[in-house]
Amino acid sequence: MFTGIVSEQGSVVSLDVTPDGESALLVFEAPETGRDLAPGASIAVNGVCLTAVTLDGGRVGVDVMGETLRRTTTGALQAGAPVNLERCVPAGGRLDGHVVQGHVDGLGVLLEREDLGAWHRLRFGLPAKLGRYAAEKGSVAIDGVSLTVTAVSAPEEKDQWFEVGLIPTTLKETGLGAKALGDPVNLEMDVLAKYAERLLGFAAADARRQDATGDTGVTGATTGGAQ
């Protein structure tokens, strides 16, 4: 598990994709984050949870499967590109951001950015299916950065969007400060909202099944009494 608090910005060394496009080896510089990393350890790269397989000082190599290459921005990384890095949070560690799994739900795109002096307002478009998980004052991870949602589109809007505010520290110490209009980003919506929706969906399905069959779902009932 991660918290969305970026420890440093690394730099891509190489991305070697196999001819069939189903796997790749991503190598990046991580002078601080990779210093005491062990083989098999998890590290979030732009919000994507990956496993360290090669270590050479502060240089880290991770395996990337085709699913990740296709569904995140990882497949488009080029040598020299900056990447947001975070080690997994230890048990008992501070949860300074929010619960982040490193499981990207989809890609967003930067639609607007406004310099308001002390902070910047950024608006991101997101897939329609993810709009329901964006809630004002809720949490979202953008390229692995934990942020608070400041505004959202109405449910009936065709093109869903949300906004966040970035303070100077976030603009300087993460890759979000350099994002240009139209740039894609990895989005991970609040996992608690996704589980709540899933549980409610099953509860509704159980209720419909019970109405249709009269089945209460209770089996193996016995009655007590002396024999």
C-alpha atoms as a PDB file:
ATOM      1  CA  MET A   1       0.000   0.000   0.000  1.00  0.00           C
ATOM      2  CA  PHE A   2       1.070   3.574  -0.684  1.00  0.00           C
ATOM      3  CA  THR A   3      -0.001   6.992   0.569  1.00  0.00           C
ATOM      4  CA  GLY A   4       0.413   9.211  -2.481  1.00  0.00           C
ATOM      5  CA  ILE A   5       3.253  11.186  -0.890  1.00  0.00           C
ATOM      6  CA  VAL A   6       6.020  11.254  -3.506  1.00  0.00           C
ATOM      7  CA  SER A   7       9.476  10.646  -2.050  1.00  0.00           C
ATOM      8  CA  GLU A   8      11.443  11.858  -5.065  1.00  0.00           C
ATOM      9  CA  GLN A   9      11.391  12.321  -8.808  1.00  0.00           C
ATOM     10  CA  GLY A  10      13.395   9.695 -10.596  1.00  0.00           C
ATOM     11  CA  SER A  11      14.550   9.713 -14.209  1.00  0.00           C
ATOM     12  CA  VAL A  12      13.891   7.040 -16.828  1.00  0.00           C
ATOM     13  CA  VAL A  13      17.015   5.345 -18.166  1.00  0.00           C
ATOM     14  CA  SER A  14      15.338   2.981 -20.618  1.00  0.00           C
ATOM     15  CA  LEU A  15      12.133   1.136 -21.464  1.00  0.00           C
ATOM     16  CA  ASP A  16      12.801  -2.062 -23.382  1.00  0.00           C
ATOM     17  CA  VAL A  17       9.563  -3.541 -24.726  1.00  0.00           C
ATOM     18  CA  THR A  18       9.473  -7.081 -26.125  1.00  0.00           C
ATOM     19  CA  PRO A  19       8.570  -7.465 -29.836  1.00  0.00           C
ATOM     20  CA  ASP A  20       5.090  -8.762 -28.982  1.00  0.00           C
ATOM     21  CA  GLY A  21       4.431  -5.771 -26.714  1.00  0.00           C
ATOM     22  CA  GLU A  22       3.423  -8.027 -23.831  1.00  0.00           C
ATOM     23  CA  SER A  23       6.200  -7.128 -21.405  1.00  0.00           C
ATOM     24  CA  ALA A  24       8.987  -4.651 -20.813  1.00  0.00           C
ATOM     25  CA  LEU A  25      11.874  -3.832 -18.529  1.00  0.00           C
ATOM     26  CA  LEU A  26      11.761  -0.281 -17.200  1.00  0.00           C
ATOM     27  CA  VAL A  27      14.970   1.073 -15.705  1.00  0.00           C
ATOM     28  CA  PHE A  28      15.113   4.372 -13.846  1.00  0.00           C
ATOM     29  CA  GLU A  29      17.366   6.344 -11.537  1.00  0.00           C
ATOM     30  CA  ALA A  30      16.140   6.527  -7.941  1.00  0.00           C
ATOM     31  CA  PRO A  31      19.061   7.809  -5.842  1.00  0.00           C
ATOM     32  CA  GLU A  32      17.081   8.122  -2.597  1.00  0.00           C
ATOM     33  CA  THR A  33      14.056   5.846  -3.019  1.00  0.00           C
ATOM     34  CA  GLY A  34      16.095   2.959  -4.423  1.00  0.00           C
ATOM     35  CA  ARG A  35      18.963   3.200  -1.961  1.00  0.00           C
ATOM     36  CA  ASP A  36      17.818   0.397   0.384  1.00  0.00           C
ATOM     37  CA  LEU A  37      15.332  -1.270  -1.951  1.00  0.00           C
ATOM     38  CA  ALA A  38      15.462  -5.065  -1.980  1.00  0.00           C
ATOM     39  CA  PRO A  39      14.705  -7.394  -4.902  1.00  0.00           C
ATOM     40  CA  GLY A  40      10.977  -8.154  -4.938  1.00  0.00           C
ATOM     41  CA  ALA A  41      10.071  -4.926  -3.132  1.00  0.00           C
ATOM     42  CA  SER A  42       7.207  -2.774  -4.372  1.00  0.00           C
ATOM     43  CA  ILE A  43       7.697   0.739  -5.676  1.00  0.00           C
ATOM     44  CA  ALA A  44       5.129   3.104  -7.180  1.00  0.00           C
ATOM     45  CA  VAL A  45       6.240   4.696 -10.453  1.00  0.00           C
ATOM     46  CA  ASN A  46       3.865   7.491 -11.497  1.00  0.00           C
ATOM     47  CA  GLY A  47       1.266   5.789  -9.340  1.00  0.00           C
ATOM     48  CA  VAL A  48       1.767   2.299 -10.793  1.00  0.00           C
ATOM     49  CA  CYS A  49       2.757  -0.416  -8.306  1.00  0.00           C
ATOM     50  CA  LEU A  50       5.725  -2.315  -9.758  1.00  0.00           C
ATOM     51  CA  THR A  51       8.199  -4.897  -8.445  1.00  0.00           C
ATOM     52  CA  ALA A  52      11.945  -4.277  -8.330  1.00  0.00           C
ATOM     53  CA  VAL A  53      13.855  -7.002 -10.198  1.00  0.00           C
ATOM     54  CA  THR A  54      17.270  -5.426 -10.788  1.00  0.00           C
ATOM     55  CA  LEU A  55      19.210  -3.105  -8.507  1.00  0.00           C
ATOM     56  CA  ASP A  56      22.445  -1.284  -9.232  1.00  0.00           C
ATOM     57  CA  GLY A  57      23.148   1.368  -6.645  1.00  0.00           C
ATOM     58  CA  GLY A  58      20.372   3.899  -7.104  1.00  0.00           C
ATOM     59  CA  ARG A  59      19.337   2.446 -10.458  1.00  0.00           C
ATOM     60  CA  VAL A  60      16.219   0.260 -10.354  1.00  0.00           C
ATOM     61  CA  GLY A  61      14.757  -2.096 -12.948  1.00  0.00           C
ATOM     62  CA  VAL A  62      11.143  -3.270 -12.849  1.00  0.00           C
ATOM     63  CA  ASP A  63       9.180  -5.731 -14.983  1.00  0.00           C
ATOM     64  CA  VAL A  64       6.087  -4.333 -16.699  1.00  0.00           C
ATOM     65  CA  MET A  65       3.373  -6.563 -18.179  1.00  0.00           C
ATOM     66  CA  GLY A  66       1.388  -5.803 -21.319  1.00  0.00           C
ATOM     67  CA  GLU A  67      -1.744  -4.935 -19.343  1.00  0.00           C
ATOM     68  CA  THR A  68       0.160  -2.174 -17.555  1.00  0.00           C
ATOM     69  CA  LEU A  69       1.757  -0.906 -20.764  1.00  0.00           C
ATOM     70  CA  ARG A  70      -1.650  -0.557 -22.388  1.00  0.00           C
ATOM     71  CA  ARG A  71      -3.677   0.861 -19.506  1.00  0.00           C
ATOM     72  CA  THR A  72      -1.239   3.357 -17.972  1.00  0.00           C
ATOM     73  CA  THR A  73       1.185   5.997 -19.223  1.00  0.00           C
ATOM     74  CA  THR A  74       4.098   3.622 -18.541  1.00  0.00           C
ATOM     75  CA  GLY A  75       4.225   2.381 -22.130  1.00  0.00           C
ATOM     76  CA  ALA A  76       4.906   5.905 -23.410  1.00  0.00           C
ATOM     77  CA  LEU A  77       7.858   6.651 -21.108  1.00  0.00           C
ATOM     78  CA  GLN A  78      11.074   7.703 -22.808  1.00  0.00           C
ATOM     79  CA  ALA A  79      14.665   8.036 -21.615  1.00  0.00           C
ATOM     80  CA  GLY A  80      15.123  11.131 -19.478  1.00  0.00           C
ATOM     81  CA  ALA A  81      11.449  11.426 -18.528  1.00  0.00           C
ATOM     82  CA  PRO A  82      10.826  12.261 -14.847  1.00  0.00           C
ATOM     83  CA  VAL A  83       8.774   9.824 -12.788  1.00  0.00           C
ATOM     84  CA  ASN A  84       7.134  10.200  -9.369  1.00  0.00           C
ATOM     85  CA  LEU A  85       8.417   7.555  -6.949  1.00  0.00           C
ATOM     86  CA  GLU A  86       7.152   6.211  -3.639  1.00  0.00           C
ATOM     87  CA  ARG A  87       8.082   3.197  -1.529  1.00  0.00           C
ATOM     88  CA  CYS A  88       5.272   1.182   0.047  1.00  0.00           C
ATOM     89  CA  VAL A  89       4.286   2.398   3.509  1.00  0.00           C
ATOM     90  CA  PRO A  90       5.537   0.224   6.393  1.00  0.00           C
ATOM     91  CA  ALA A  91       3.126  -1.180   8.955  1.00  0.00           C
ATOM     92  CA  GLY A  92       2.699   1.487  11.615  1.00  0.00           C
ATOM     93  CA  GLY A  93       3.935   4.217   9.269  1.00  0.00           C
ATOM     94  CA  ARG A  94       2.248   7.588   8.887  1.00  0.00           C
ATOM     95  CA  LEU A  95      -0.628   7.761   6.412  1.00  0.00           C
ATOM     96  CA  ASP A  96       0.047  11.348   5.344  1.00  0.00           C
ATOM     97  CA  GLY A  97      -1.945  11.111   2.108  1.00  0.00           C
ATOM     98  CA  HIS A  98      -4.701   8.531   1.634  1.00  0.00           C
ATOM     99  CA  VAL A  99      -4.979   4.809   0.926  1.00  0.00           C
ATOM    100  CA  VAL A 100      -3.383   4.266  -2.506  1.00  0.00           C
ATOM    101  CA  GLN A 101      -2.956   0.778  -3.965  1.00  0.00           C
ATOM    102  CA  GLY A 102      -0.946   1.600  -7.056  1.00  0.00           C
ATOM    103  CA  HIS A 103      -3.713   0.092  -9.222  1.00  0.00           C
ATOM    104  CA  VAL A 104      -4.525   2.576 -11.978  1.00  0.00           C
ATOM    105  CA  ASP A 105      -8.239   2.810 -12.853  1.00  0.00           C
ATOM    106  CA  GLY A 106      -7.814   4.733 -16.080  1.00  0.00           C
ATOM    107  CA  LEU A 107      -6.187   7.646 -17.851  1.00  0.00           C
ATOM    108  CA  GLY A 108      -7.125  11.271 -17.379  1.00  0.00           C
ATOM    109  CA  VAL A 109      -6.109  14.280 -19.445  1.00  0.00           C
ATOM    110  CA  LEU A 110      -5.211  17.811 -18.357  1.00  0.00           C
ATOM    111  CA  LEU A 111      -7.906  20.161 -19.696  1.00  0.00           C
ATOM    112  CA  GLU A 112      -7.161  23.439 -17.919  1.00  0.00           C
ATOM    113  CA  ARG A 113      -4.590  24.980 -15.607  1.00  0.00           C
ATOM    114  CA  GLU A 114      -4.740  28.377 -13.959  1.00  0.00           C
ATOM    115  CA  ASP A 115      -1.983  30.130 -12.031  1.00  0.00           C
ATOM    116  CA  LEU A 116      -3.594  31.712  -8.980  1.00  0.00           C
ATOM    117  CA  GLY A 117      -0.352  32.975  -7.485  1.00  0.00           C
ATOM    118  CA  ALA A 118       0.033  30.906  -4.328  1.00  0.00           C
ATOM    119  CA  TRP A 119      -1.378  27.812  -6.010  1.00  0.00           C
ATOM    120  CA  HIS A 120      -2.507  26.391  -9.345  1.00  0.00           C
ATOM    121  CA  ARG A 121      -5.940  25.095 -10.310  1.00  0.00           C
ATOM    122  CA  LEU A 122      -5.880  22.058 -12.600  1.00  0.00           C
ATOM    123  CA  ARG A 123      -8.890  20.489 -14.300  1.00  0.00           C
ATOM    124  CA  PHE A 124      -8.682  16.918 -15.576  1.00  0.00           C
ATOM    125  CA  GLY A 125     -11.033  15.041 -17.855  1.00  0.00           C
ATOM    126  CA  LEU A 126     -11.651  11.416 -16.964  1.00  0.00           C
ATOM    127  CA  PRO A 127     -13.478   8.414 -18.439  1.00  0.00           C
ATOM    128  CA  ALA A 128     -17.251   8.563 -17.910  1.00  0.00           C
ATOM    129  CA  LYS A 129     -17.203   5.320 -15.932  1.00  0.00           C
ATOM    130  CA  LEU A 130     -14.887   6.900 -13.335  1.00  0.00           C
ATOM    131  CA  GLY A 131     -16.881  10.106 -12.871  1.00  0.00           C
ATOM    132  CA  ARG A 132     -18.985   8.567 -10.092  1.00  0.00           C
ATOM    133  CA  TYR A 133     -15.905   8.102  -7.915  1.00  0.00           C
ATOM    134  CA  ALA A 134     -14.843  11.751  -7.999  1.00  0.00           C
ATOM    135  CA  ALA A 135     -16.341  13.573  -5.026  1.00  0.00           C
ATOM    136  CA  GLU A 136     -15.736  17.135  -3.880  1.00  0.00           C
ATOM    137  CA  LYS A 137     -13.326  17.075  -0.922  1.00  0.00           C
ATOM    138  CA  GLY A 138     -12.647  13.409  -1.652  1.00  0.00           C
ATOM    139  CA  SER A 139      -9.252  11.937  -2.538  1.00  0.00           C
ATOM    140  CA  VAL A 140      -7.667  11.006  -5.854  1.00  0.00           C
ATOM    141  CA  ALA A 141      -4.181   9.877  -6.881  1.00  0.00           C
ATOM    142  CA  ILE A 142      -2.839  11.547 -10.044  1.00  0.00           C
ATOM    143  CA  ASP A 143       0.410  10.014 -11.308  1.00  0.00           C
ATOM    144  CA  GLY A 144       0.776   8.683  -7.764  1.00  0.00           C
ATOM    145  CA  VAL A 145       0.246  12.048  -6.055  1.00  0.00           C
ATOM    146  CA  SER A 146      -2.419  12.156  -3.338  1.00  0.00           C
ATOM    147  CA  LEU A 147      -4.661  15.177  -3.897  1.00  0.00           C
ATOM    148  CA  THR A 148      -7.966  16.582  -2.663  1.00  0.00           C
ATOM    149  CA  VAL A 149     -10.719  17.076  -5.217  1.00  0.00           C
ATOM    150  CA  THR A 150     -11.922  20.699  -5.143  1.00  0.00           C
ATOM    151  CA  ALA A 151     -14.673  20.616  -7.793  1.00  0.00           C
ATOM    152  CA  VAL A 152     -16.468  18.008  -9.911  1.00  0.00           C
ATOM    153  CA  SER A 153     -18.733  17.852 -12.949  1.00  0.00           C
ATOM    154  CA  ALA A 154     -22.450  17.195 -12.546  1.00  0.00           C
ATOM    155  CA  PRO A 155     -23.525  13.548 -12.939  1.00  0.00           C
ATOM    156  CA  GLU A 156     -25.538  14.354 -16.074  1.00  0.00           C
ATOM    157  CA  GLU A 157     -22.618  15.991 -17.900  1.00  0.00           C
ATOM    158  CA  LYS A 158     -21.430  13.980 -20.890  1.00  0.00           C
ATOM    159  CA  ASP A 159     -17.776  14.904 -20.413  1.00  0.00           C
ATOM    160  CA  GLN A 160     -16.785  14.194 -16.824  1.00  0.00           C
ATOM    161  CA  TRP A 161     -14.080  16.237 -15.088  1.00  0.00           C
ATOM    162  CA  PHE A 162     -12.695  17.144 -11.684  1.00  0.00           C
ATOM    163  CA  GLU A 163     -10.378  19.815 -10.332  1.00  0.00           C
ATOM    164  CA  VAL A 164      -7.530  19.870  -7.822  1.00  0.00           C
ATOM    165  CA  GLY A 165      -5.385  22.607  -6.311  1.00  0.00           C
ATOM    166  CA  LEU A 166      -1.591  22.321  -6.266  1.00  0.00           C
ATOM    167  CA  ILE A 167       0.595  24.169  -3.792  1.00  0.00           C
ATOM    168  CA  PRO A 168       4.127  25.273  -4.801  1.00  0.00           C
ATOM    169  CA  THR A 169       5.730  22.242  -3.112  1.00  0.00           C
ATOM    170  CA  THR A 170       3.639  19.828  -5.181  1.00  0.00           C
ATOM    171  CA  LEU A 171       4.306  21.805  -8.355  1.00  0.00           C
ATOM    172  CA  LYS A 172       8.046  21.688  -7.709  1.00  0.00           C
ATOM    173  CA  GLU A 173       8.564  18.186  -6.301  1.00  0.00           C
ATOM    174  CA  THR A 174       6.260  16.136  -8.551  1.00  0.00           C
ATOM    175  CA  GLY A 175       5.841  15.879 -12.298  1.00  0.00           C
ATOM    176  CA  LEU A 176       2.458  17.614 -12.164  1.00  0.00           C
ATOM    177  CA  GLY A 177       4.066  21.030 -12.252  1.00  0.00           C
ATOM    178  CA  ALA A 178       5.344  20.419 -15.787  1.00  0.00           C
ATOM    179  CA  LYS A 179       2.150  18.939 -17.249  1.00  0.00           C
ATOM    180  CA  ALA A 180       0.886  20.652 -20.394  1.00  0.00           C
ATOM    181  CA  LEU A 181      -2.674  20.795 -21.666  1.00  0.00           C
ATOM    182  CA  GLY A 182      -3.574  17.490 -23.285  1.00  0.00           C
ATOM    183  CA  ASP A 183      -1.032  15.460 -21.327  1.00  0.00           C
ATOM    184  CA  PRO A 184      -2.322  12.091 -20.042  1.00  0.00           C
ATOM    185  CA  VAL A 185      -2.071  11.081 -16.385  1.00  0.00           C
ATOM    186  CA  ASN A 186      -2.621   7.897 -14.391  1.00  0.00           C
ATOM    187  CA  LEU A 187      -5.724   8.046 -12.205  1.00  0.00           C
ATOM    188  CA  GLU A 188      -6.504   5.950  -9.163  1.00  0.00           C
ATOM    189  CA  MET A 189      -9.860   6.753  -7.626  1.00  0.00           C
ATOM    190  CA  ASP A 190     -10.655   6.236  -3.931  1.00  0.00           C
ATOM    191  CA  VAL A 191     -10.664   2.469  -3.267  1.00  0.00           C
ATOM    192  CA  LEU A 192     -13.234   2.886  -0.479  1.00  0.00           C
ATOM    193  CA  ALA A 193     -15.756   4.288  -2.976  1.00  0.00           C
ATOM    194  CA  LYS A 194     -15.175   1.373  -5.354  1.00  0.00           C
ATOM    195  CA  TYR A 195     -15.726  -1.240  -2.656  1.00  0.00           C
ATOM    196  CA  ALA A 196     -18.825   0.545  -1.373  1.00  0.00           C
ATOM    197  CA  GLU A 197     -20.309   0.514  -4.892  1.00  0.00           C
ATOM    198  CA  ARG A 198     -19.468  -3.178  -5.328  1.00  0.00           C
ATOM    199  CA  LEU A 199     -21.069  -4.151  -2.012  1.00  0.00           C
ATOM    200  CA  LEU A 200     -24.204  -2.147  -2.799  1.00  0.00           C
ATOM    201  CA  GLY A 201     -24.402  -3.842  -6.191  1.00  0.00           C
ATOM    202  CA  PHE A 202     -24.326  -7.299  -4.613  1.00  0.00           C
ATOM    203  CA  ALA A 203     -26.859  -6.272  -1.971  1.00  0.00           C
ATOM    204  CA  ALA A 204     -29.248  -5.132  -4.718  1.00  0.00           C
ATOM    205  CA  ALA A 205     -28.705  -8.364  -6.669  1.00  0.00           C
ATOM    206  CA  ASP A 206     -29.370 -10.452  -3.550  1.00  0.00           C
ATOM    207  CA  ALA A 207     -32.577  -8.511  -2.892  1.00  0.00           C
ATOM    208  CA  ARG A 208     -33.809  -9.068  -6.469  1.00  0.00           C
ATOM    209  CA  ARG A 209     -32.992 -12.777  -6.271  1.00  0.00           C
ATOM    210  CA  GLN A 210     -34.847 -13.111  -2.972  1.00  0.00           C
ATOM    211  CA  ASP A 211     -37.893 -11.307  -4.380  1.00  0.00           C
ATOM    212  CA  ALA A 212     -37.919 -13.628  -7.389  1.00  0.00           C
ATOM    213  CA  THR A 213     -37.454 -16.928  -5.557  1.00  0.00           C
ATOM    214  CA  GLY A 214     -38.586 -16.247  -2.022  1.00  0.00           C
ATOM    215  CA  ASP A 215     -35.199 -17.562  -0.902  1.00  0.00           C
ATOM    216  CA  THR A 216     -34.092 -15.931   2.337  1.00  0.00           C
ATOM    217  CA  GLY A 217     -30.562 -17.172   1.888  1.00  0.00           C
ATOM    218  CA  VAL A 218     -30.734 -19.115   5.164  1.00  0.00           C
ATOM    219  CA  THR A 219     -29.849 -22.811   4.848  1.00  0.00           C
ATOM    220  CA  GLY A 220     -29.344 -25.668   7.252  1.00  0.00           C
ATOM    221  CA  ALA A 221     -31.750 -24.311   9.884  1.00  0.00           C
ATOM    222  CA  THR A 222     -32.581 -26.685  12.746  1.00  0.00           C
ATOM    223  CA  THR A 223     -35.046 -26.642  15.580  1.00  0.00           C
ATOM    224  CA  GLY A 224     -34.137 -27.370  19.130  1.00  0.00           C
ATOM    225  CA  GLY A 225     -35.946 -29.568  21.620  1.00  0.00           C
ATOM    226  CA  ALA A 226     -35.555 -32.653  23.773  1.00  0.00           C
ATOM    227  CA  GLN A 227     -35.671 -36.036  22.028  1.00  0.00           C
END
